[in-house]
C-alpha atoms as a PDB file:
ATOM      1  CA  ARG A   1     -63.827  11.930  50.703  1.00  0.00           C
ATOM      2  CA  PRO A   2     -60.764  13.859  49.492  1.00  0.00           C
ATOM      3  CA  LEU A   3     -57.625  11.887  48.827  1.00  0.00           C
ATOM      4  CA  MET A   4     -54.764  12.595  51.215  1.00  0.00           C
ATOM      5  CA  PRO A   5     -51.203  12.877  49.954  1.00  0.00           C
ATOM      6  CA  SER A   6     -49.004   9.876  50.606  1.00  0.00           C
ATOM      7  CA  ASN A   7     -46.338  10.026  53.294  1.00  0.00           C
ATOM      8  CA  HIS A   8     -43.688  10.332  50.609  1.00  0.00           C
ATOM      9  CA  HIS A   9     -45.151  13.459  49.038  1.00  0.00           C
ATOM     10  CA  ARG A  10     -46.865  15.380  51.857  1.00  0.00           C
ATOM     11  CA  ALA A  11     -47.515  19.068  51.371  1.00  0.00           C
ATOM     12  CA  GLY A  12     -44.357  21.090  51.690  1.00  0.00           C
ATOM     13  CA  LYS A  13     -41.997  18.265  50.677  1.00  0.00           C
ATOM     14  CA  PRO A  14     -40.763  18.643  47.072  1.00  0.00           C
ATOM     15  CA  ARG A  15     -40.853  15.729  44.710  1.00  0.00           C
ATOM     16  CA  PRO A  16     -37.418  14.428  43.733  1.00  0.00           C
ATOM     17  CA  TYR A  17     -36.138  15.745  40.378  1.00  0.00           C
ATOM     18  CA  LYS A  18     -35.989  13.103  37.692  1.00  0.00           C
ATOM     19  CA  ILE A  19     -33.155  13.487  35.203  1.00  0.00           C
ATOM     20  CA  PRO A  20     -34.525  13.260  31.640  1.00  0.00           C
ATOM     21  CA  GLU A  21     -33.632   9.974  30.001  1.00  0.00           C
ATOM     22  CA  ILE A  22     -31.421  10.119  26.925  1.00  0.00           C
ATOM     23  CA  ILE A  23     -32.925   7.784  24.345  1.00  0.00           C
ATOM     24  CA  LEU A  24     -30.222   6.221  22.193  1.00  0.00           C
ATOM     25  CA  PRO A  25     -30.994   4.961  18.678  1.00  0.00           C
ATOM     26  CA  HIS A  26     -31.524   1.209  18.330  1.00  0.00           C
ATOM     27  CA  THR A  27     -29.899   0.766  14.921  1.00  0.00           C
ATOM     28  CA  ALA A  28     -27.543   2.609  12.615  1.00  0.00           C
ATOM     29  CA  THR A  29     -28.584   3.482   9.073  1.00  0.00           C
ATOM     30  CA  LEU A  30     -26.115   2.668   6.300  1.00  0.00           C
ATOM     31  CA  PHE A  31     -25.638   5.094   3.422  1.00  0.00           C
ATOM     32  CA  LEU A  32     -23.447   3.555   0.711  1.00  0.00           C
ATOM     33  CA  PHE A  33     -22.573   5.966  -2.098  1.00  0.00           C
ATOM     34  CA  VAL A  34     -21.422   4.312  -5.317  1.00  0.00           C
ATOM     35  CA  LYS A  35     -20.751   6.270  -8.494  1.00  0.00           C
ATOM     36  CA  GLY A  36     -20.038   3.154 -10.548  1.00  0.00           C
ATOM     37  CA  THR A  37     -19.310   4.877 -13.855  1.00  0.00           C
ATOM     38  CA  GLY A  38     -16.241   5.808 -15.872  1.00  0.00           C
ATOM     39  CA  HIS A  39     -15.325   7.151 -19.312  1.00  0.00           C
ATOM     40  CA  SER A  40     -11.902   5.692 -20.079  1.00  0.00           C
ATOM     41  CA  ASP A  41     -10.880   2.055 -19.862  1.00  0.00           C
ATOM     42  CA  VAL A  42      -8.875   2.745 -16.715  1.00  0.00           C
ATOM     43  CA  GLU A  43     -11.771   4.598 -15.072  1.00  0.00           C
ATOM     44  CA  ARG A  44     -14.156   1.748 -15.888  1.00  0.00           C
ATOM     45  CA  LEU A  45     -11.692  -0.760 -14.452  1.00  0.00           C
ATOM     46  CA  VAL A  46     -11.563   1.124 -11.153  1.00  0.00           C
ATOM     47  CA  ALA A  47     -15.340   1.672 -11.181  1.00  0.00           C
ATOM     48  CA  ASP A  48     -15.974  -2.062 -11.637  1.00  0.00           C
ATOM     49  CA  ALA A  49     -13.732  -2.781  -8.650  1.00  0.00           C
ATOM     50  CA  GLN A  50     -15.628  -0.223  -6.568  1.00  0.00           C
ATOM     51  CA  LEU A  51     -18.912  -1.894  -7.503  1.00  0.00           C
ATOM     52  CA  ALA A  52     -17.580  -5.313  -6.522  1.00  0.00           C
ATOM     53  CA  ALA A  53     -16.250  -3.992  -3.216  1.00  0.00           C
ATOM     54  CA  SER A  54     -19.603  -2.353  -2.509  1.00  0.00           C
ATOM     55  CA  LEU A  55     -21.416  -5.657  -3.036  1.00  0.00           C
ATOM     56  CA  ASP A  56     -18.988  -7.284  -0.602  1.00  0.00           C
ATOM     57  CA  THR A  57     -19.765  -4.551   1.939  1.00  0.00           C
ATOM     58  CA  LEU A  58     -23.510  -5.063   1.561  1.00  0.00           C
ATOM     59  CA  GLU A  59     -23.106  -8.778   2.128  1.00  0.00           C
ATOM     60  CA  ARG A  60     -20.952  -8.214   5.205  1.00  0.00           C
ATOM     61  CA  VAL A  61     -23.337  -5.797   6.900  1.00  0.00           C
ATOM     62  CA  ARG A  62     -26.510  -7.668   6.014  1.00  0.00           C
ATOM     63  CA  ALA A  63     -26.541  -9.855   9.128  1.00  0.00           C
ATOM     64  CA  ILE A  64     -25.437  -7.132  11.575  1.00  0.00           C
ATOM     65  CA  PRO A  65     -28.395  -6.544  13.939  1.00  0.00           C
ATOM     66  CA  GLU A  66     -27.151  -3.060  14.873  1.00  0.00           C
ATOM     67  CA  ILE A  67     -27.493  -1.880  11.264  1.00  0.00           C
ATOM     68  CA  GLY A  68     -31.079  -1.372  10.149  1.00  0.00           C
ATOM     69  CA  ALA A  69     -31.864   0.222   6.791  1.00  0.00           C
ATOM     70  CA  ARG A  70     -29.175  -0.120   4.123  1.00  0.00           C
ATOM     71  CA  VAL A  71     -29.470   2.705   1.608  1.00  0.00           C
ATOM     72  CA  VAL A  72     -27.522   2.699  -1.661  1.00  0.00           C
ATOM     73  CA  ALA A  73     -27.180   5.921  -3.658  1.00  0.00           C
ATOM     74  CA  THR A  74     -25.914   5.360  -7.184  1.00  0.00           C
ATOM     75  CA  ALA A  75     -26.269   6.395 -10.813  1.00  0.00           C
ATOM     76  CA  ASN A  76     -25.627   2.846 -12.022  1.00  0.00           C
ATOM     77  CA  ALA A  77     -28.953   1.093 -12.688  1.00  0.00           C
ATOM     78  CA  GLU A  78     -27.397  -2.359 -13.144  1.00  0.00           C
ATOM     79  CA  PHE A  79     -25.578  -2.117  -9.834  1.00  0.00           C
ATOM     80  CA  ALA A  80     -28.759  -0.811  -8.183  1.00  0.00           C
ATOM     81  CA  ALA A  81     -30.569  -4.014  -9.165  1.00  0.00           C
ATOM     82  CA  ARG A  82     -27.779  -6.170  -7.729  1.00  0.00           C
ATOM     83  CA  ALA A  83     -27.751  -4.134  -4.522  1.00  0.00           C
ATOM     84  CA  ALA A  84     -31.535  -4.404  -4.194  1.00  0.00           C
ATOM     85  CA  ALA A  85     -31.228  -8.191  -4.483  1.00  0.00           C
ATOM     86  CA  ARG A  86     -29.037  -8.001  -1.373  1.00  0.00           C
ATOM     87  CA  GLY A  87     -31.681  -6.163   0.615  1.00  0.00           C
ATOM     88  CA  ALA A  88     -30.641  -2.560  -0.010  1.00  0.00           C
ATOM     89  CA  GLN A  89     -33.025   0.348  -0.471  1.00  0.00           C
ATOM     90  CA  ILE A  90     -32.112   2.142  -3.688  1.00  0.00           C
ATOM     91  CA  GLU A  91     -31.828   5.866  -4.314  1.00  0.00           C
ATOM     92  CA  ILE A  92     -30.974   6.595  -7.950  1.00  0.00           C
ATOM     93  CA  ASP A  93     -29.063   9.844  -8.382  1.00  0.00           C
ATOM     94  CA  PRO A  94     -31.345  12.300 -10.219  1.00  0.00           C
ATOM     95  CA  PRO A  95     -30.291  12.379 -13.898  1.00  0.00           C
ATOM     96  CA  GLY A  96     -29.429  15.707 -15.423  1.00  0.00           C
ATOM     97  CA  GLU A  97     -28.738  17.400 -12.088  1.00  0.00           C
ATOM     98  CA  GLU A  98     -25.342  18.592 -10.918  1.00  0.00           C
ATOM     99  CA  PHE A  99     -24.263  16.187  -8.190  1.00  0.00           C
ATOM    100  CA  HIS A 100     -23.324  17.696  -4.816  1.00  0.00           C
ATOM    101  CA  TRP A 101     -22.158  14.996  -2.437  1.00  0.00           C
ATOM    102  CA  GLY A 102     -22.899  16.760   0.860  1.00  0.00           C
ATOM    103  CA  LYS A 103     -26.365  17.948  -0.133  1.00  0.00           C
ATOM    104  CA  ARG A 104     -27.236  14.481  -1.401  1.00  0.00           C
ATOM    105  CA  LEU A 105     -26.150  12.886   1.882  1.00  0.00           C
ATOM    106  CA  ALA A 106     -27.990  15.487   3.977  1.00  0.00           C
ATOM    107  CA  ALA A 107     -31.212  14.929   2.019  1.00  0.00           C
ATOM    108  CA  LEU A 108     -31.040  11.161   2.489  1.00  0.00           C
ATOM    109  CA  VAL A 109     -30.231  11.383   6.197  1.00  0.00           C
ATOM    110  CA  GLU A 110     -33.335  13.558   6.591  1.00  0.00           C
ATOM    111  CA  LYS A 111     -35.488  11.316   4.385  1.00  0.00           C
ATOM    112  CA  TYR A 112     -34.667   8.203   6.395  1.00  0.00           C
ATOM    113  CA  ALA A 113     -34.696  10.045   9.749  1.00  0.00           C
ATOM    114  CA  ALA A 114     -31.319   8.500  10.540  1.00  0.00           C
ATOM    115  CA  ASP A 115     -30.366   8.994  14.189  1.00  0.00           C
ATOM    116  CA  ALA A 116     -27.038   7.187  13.731  1.00  0.00           C
ATOM    117  CA  PRO A 117     -25.887   7.348  10.095  1.00  0.00           C
ATOM    118  CA  LEU A 118     -23.024   5.223   8.796  1.00  0.00           C
ATOM    119  CA  TYR A 119     -21.654   6.619   5.540  1.00  0.00           C
ATOM    120  CA  ILE A 120     -19.395   4.461   3.374  1.00  0.00           C
ATOM    121  CA  GLY A 121     -17.840   5.516   0.070  1.00  0.00           C
ATOM    122  CA  GLY A 122     -18.073   2.845  -2.621  1.00  0.00           C
ATOM    123  CA  GLY A 123     -14.357   2.095  -2.837  1.00  0.00           C
ATOM    124  CA  SER A 124     -13.603   2.212   0.871  1.00  0.00           C
ATOM    125  CA  GLY A 125     -13.611  -0.415   3.577  1.00  0.00           C
ATOM    126  CA  ALA A 126     -13.116  -3.244   1.103  1.00  0.00           C
ATOM    127  CA  LEU A 127     -11.098  -5.205   3.680  1.00  0.00           C
ATOM    128  CA  MET A 128     -13.332  -4.446   6.656  1.00  0.00           C
ATOM    129  CA  THR A 129     -14.989  -7.515   8.190  1.00  0.00           C
ATOM    130  CA  SER A 130     -18.529  -7.839   9.525  1.00  0.00           C
ATOM    131  CA  ASP A 131     -17.131  -7.562  13.047  1.00  0.00           C
ATOM    132  CA  ASP A 132     -15.288  -4.370  12.081  1.00  0.00           C
ATOM    133  CA  TRP A 133     -18.462  -2.741  10.767  1.00  0.00           C
ATOM    134  CA  ARG A 134     -20.457  -3.913  13.756  1.00  0.00           C
ATOM    135  CA  ALA A 135     -17.911  -2.339  16.118  1.00  0.00           C
ATOM    136  CA  VAL A 136     -18.214   0.987  14.291  1.00  0.00           C
ATOM    137  CA  ALA A 137     -22.013   0.906  14.507  1.00  0.00           C
ATOM    138  CA  LEU A 138     -21.946   0.018  18.207  1.00  0.00           C
ATOM    139  CA  ARG A 139     -19.745   2.995  19.035  1.00  0.00           C
ATOM    140  CA  VAL A 140     -22.296   5.536  17.819  1.00  0.00           C
ATOM    141  CA  LEU A 141     -25.264   3.575  19.159  1.00  0.00           C
ATOM    142  CA  GLU A 142     -23.796   3.517  22.656  1.00  0.00           C
ATOM    143  CA  GLN A 143     -22.533   7.106  22.762  1.00  0.00           C
ATOM    144  CA  GLN A 144     -24.075  10.373  21.628  1.00  0.00           C
ATOM    145  CA  ASN A 145     -22.159  13.353  20.210  1.00  0.00           C
ATOM    146  CA  LEU A 146     -19.527  11.142  18.598  1.00  0.00           C
ATOM    147  CA  VAL A 147     -18.102  10.657  15.121  1.00  0.00           C
ATOM    148  CA  VAL A 148     -16.134   7.505  14.281  1.00  0.00           C
ATOM    149  CA  THR A 149     -14.005   7.631  11.134  1.00  0.00           C
ATOM    150  CA  ASN A 150     -11.107   5.997   9.354  1.00  0.00           C
ATOM    151  CA  ASN A 151      -9.344   9.328   8.812  1.00  0.00           C
ATOM    152  CA  TYR A 152     -10.319  12.557  10.550  1.00  0.00           C
ATOM    153  CA  TYR A 153      -8.693  14.859   8.001  1.00  0.00           C
ATOM    154  CA  SER A 154      -9.636  12.900   4.887  1.00  0.00           C
ATOM    155  CA  CYS A 155     -12.337  10.375   5.664  1.00  0.00           C
ATOM    156  CA  ASP A 156     -13.607   7.613   3.402  1.00  0.00           C
ATOM    157  CA  PHE A 157     -16.248   6.375   5.819  1.00  0.00           C
ATOM    158  CA  ALA A 158     -17.755   7.736   9.017  1.00  0.00           C
ATOM    159  CA  ALA A 159     -20.515   7.046  11.520  1.00  0.00           C
ATOM    160  CA  TRP A 160     -21.934   9.638  13.852  1.00  0.00           C
ATOM    161  CA  SER A 161     -24.637  10.300  16.396  1.00  0.00           C
ATOM    162  CA  PRO A 162     -26.879  12.203  16.455  1.00  0.00           C
ATOM    163  CA  GLY A 163     -27.648  12.290  12.757  1.00  0.00           C
ATOM    164  CA  SER A 164     -29.008  15.812  13.194  1.00  0.00           C
ATOM    165  CA  ALA A 165     -25.422  17.063  13.701  1.00  0.00           C
ATOM    166  CA  LEU A 166     -25.247  17.177   9.916  1.00  0.00           C
ATOM    167  CA  ARG A 167     -27.518  20.239  10.009  1.00  0.00           C
ATOM    168  CA  GLN A 168     -24.843  22.158  11.909  1.00  0.00           C
ATOM    169  CA  ILE A 169     -22.269  22.058   9.105  1.00  0.00           C
ATOM    170  CA  ASP A 170     -22.085  23.326   5.551  1.00  0.00           C
ATOM    171  CA  PRO A 171     -22.499  20.290   3.286  1.00  0.00           C
ATOM    172  CA  PRO A 172     -19.050  19.436   1.881  1.00  0.00           C
ATOM    173  CA  GLU A 173     -18.656  18.884  -1.848  1.00  0.00           C
ATOM    174  CA  LEU A 174     -16.626  15.722  -1.214  1.00  0.00           C
ATOM    175  CA  ASP A 175     -16.799  13.092   1.502  1.00  0.00           C
ATOM    176  CA  ASN A 176     -13.189  13.648   2.624  1.00  0.00           C
ATOM    177  CA  ASP A 177     -14.171  16.684   4.709  1.00  0.00           C
ATOM    178  CA  LEU A 178     -17.153  15.095   6.501  1.00  0.00           C
ATOM    179  CA  ALA A 179     -15.542  13.903   9.737  1.00  0.00           C
ATOM    180  CA  PHE A 180     -13.477  17.071  10.132  1.00  0.00           C
ATOM    181  CA  ARG A 181     -16.546  19.318   9.851  1.00  0.00           C
ATOM    182  CA  LEU A 182     -18.554  17.164  12.271  1.00  0.00           C
ATOM    183  CA  GLY A 183     -15.724  17.423  14.774  1.00  0.00           C
ATOM    184  CA  GLU A 184     -14.743  21.053  14.338  1.00  0.00           C
ATOM    185  CA  ARG A 185     -18.083  22.688  13.553  1.00  0.00           C
ATOM    186  CA  ALA A 186     -20.711  20.371  15.019  1.00  0.00           C
ATOM    187  CA  MET A 187     -18.420  19.838  18.038  1.00  0.00           C
ATOM    188  CA  LEU A 188     -18.725  16.058  18.066  1.00  0.00           C
ATOM    189  CA  GLN A 189     -16.132  14.020  19.911  1.00  0.00           C
ATOM    190  CA  VAL A 190     -13.855  12.278  17.417  1.00  0.00           C
ATOM    191  CA  ALA A 191     -12.821   8.613  17.495  1.00  0.00           C
ATOM    192  CA  ALA A 192     -10.329   7.825  14.741  1.00  0.00           C
ATOM    193  CA  LEU A 193      -9.913   4.135  13.989  1.00  0.00           C
ATOM    194  CA  PRO A 194      -6.454   2.526  14.044  1.00  0.00           C
ATOM    195  CA  LYS A 195      -4.585   2.971  10.776  1.00  0.00           C
ATOM    196  CA  ASN A 196      -4.234  -0.360   9.007  1.00  0.00           C
ATOM    197  CA  ALA A 197      -4.972  -1.861   5.604  1.00  0.00           C
ATOM    198  CA  ALA A 198      -8.643  -2.474   6.428  1.00  0.00           C
ATOM    199  CA  THR A 199      -9.393   1.089   7.520  1.00  0.00           C
ATOM    200  CA  GLN A 200      -7.156   2.974   5.082  1.00  0.00           C
ATOM    201  CA  LEU A 201      -7.549   1.177   1.765  1.00  0.00           C
ATOM    202  CA  ASP A 202      -9.754   3.101  -0.660  1.00  0.00           C
ATOM    203  CA  ILE A 203     -10.058   1.906  -4.255  1.00  0.00           C
ATOM    204  CA  ASP A 204      -9.254   4.999  -6.328  1.00  0.00           C
ATOM    205  CA  THR A 205      -6.533   3.933  -8.763  1.00  0.00           C
ATOM    206  CA  PRO A 206      -5.303   0.843 -10.649  1.00  0.00           C
ATOM    207  CA  THR A 207      -2.467   0.664  -8.105  1.00  0.00           C
ATOM    208  CA  ASP A 208      -5.067   0.081  -5.394  1.00  0.00           C
ATOM    209  CA  LEU A 209      -6.349  -2.884  -7.398  1.00  0.00           C
ATOM    210  CA  LEU A 210      -2.894  -4.432  -7.391  1.00  0.00           C
ATOM    211  CA  THR A 211      -2.671  -3.879  -3.649  1.00  0.00           C
ATOM    212  CA  ILE A 212      -5.979  -5.570  -2.913  1.00  0.00           C
ATOM    213  CA  SER A 213      -5.949  -8.360  -5.527  1.00  0.00           C
ATOM    214  CA  PHE A 214      -4.205 -11.010  -3.456  1.00  0.00           C
ATOM    215  CA  HIS A 215      -5.151  -9.862   0.020  1.00  0.00           C
ATOM    216  CA  PRO A 216      -6.710 -12.712   2.040  1.00  0.00           C
ATOM    217  CA  ALA A 217      -9.518 -10.458   3.325  1.00  0.00           C
ATOM    218  CA  VAL A 218     -10.796  -9.458  -0.107  1.00  0.00           C
ATOM    219  CA  GLY A 219     -14.450 -10.336  -0.701  1.00  0.00           C
ATOM    220  CA  ARG A 220     -15.900 -12.907  -3.077  1.00  0.00           C
ATOM    221  CA  ASN A 221     -17.235 -10.375  -5.611  1.00  0.00           C
END
């Protein structure tokens, strides 16, 4: 006996159109880039501070449920071991190859299939708390086509969704241009964080070390 159509879908009555569901990523993927080397005494002093700040960052994000894989890219083998002990996945910069920051980031975002990448430069965000980082991750997990950054025109860290937006820009040589290109060329909506010590401090010079030394939010490392 042939089956008859239900009353809701009798012949001649179109089925209602179902809007495709947008599937948002469940976790952000952290990419922490740490050079960790220097030639002069002053450069090594700054590099050591960047390494310490990066360890603080890893410890702060470790318990954030919205951040999944934590990837550390570095040329410093000693730091890599310390980062691995804190649960990071290590990507050693290929020795003997000319380093291009944007191409390196793009390759890692592809390798880890990151739908919501969170990039942090090794000397940046040293005063950011766990709650601060969690808020950044939540923004790009809850909204597509968005880039969140500390400085649109010269960023030190940025999170964005979708991760595939990186394919729509030319890889920048330095991280400072990342947020601007994602906004202007990948056409992502931009959310710039409030300017304060936590979002703007980037350890680049000995003067930055003096600034951060006695700050109450500085990490234990």
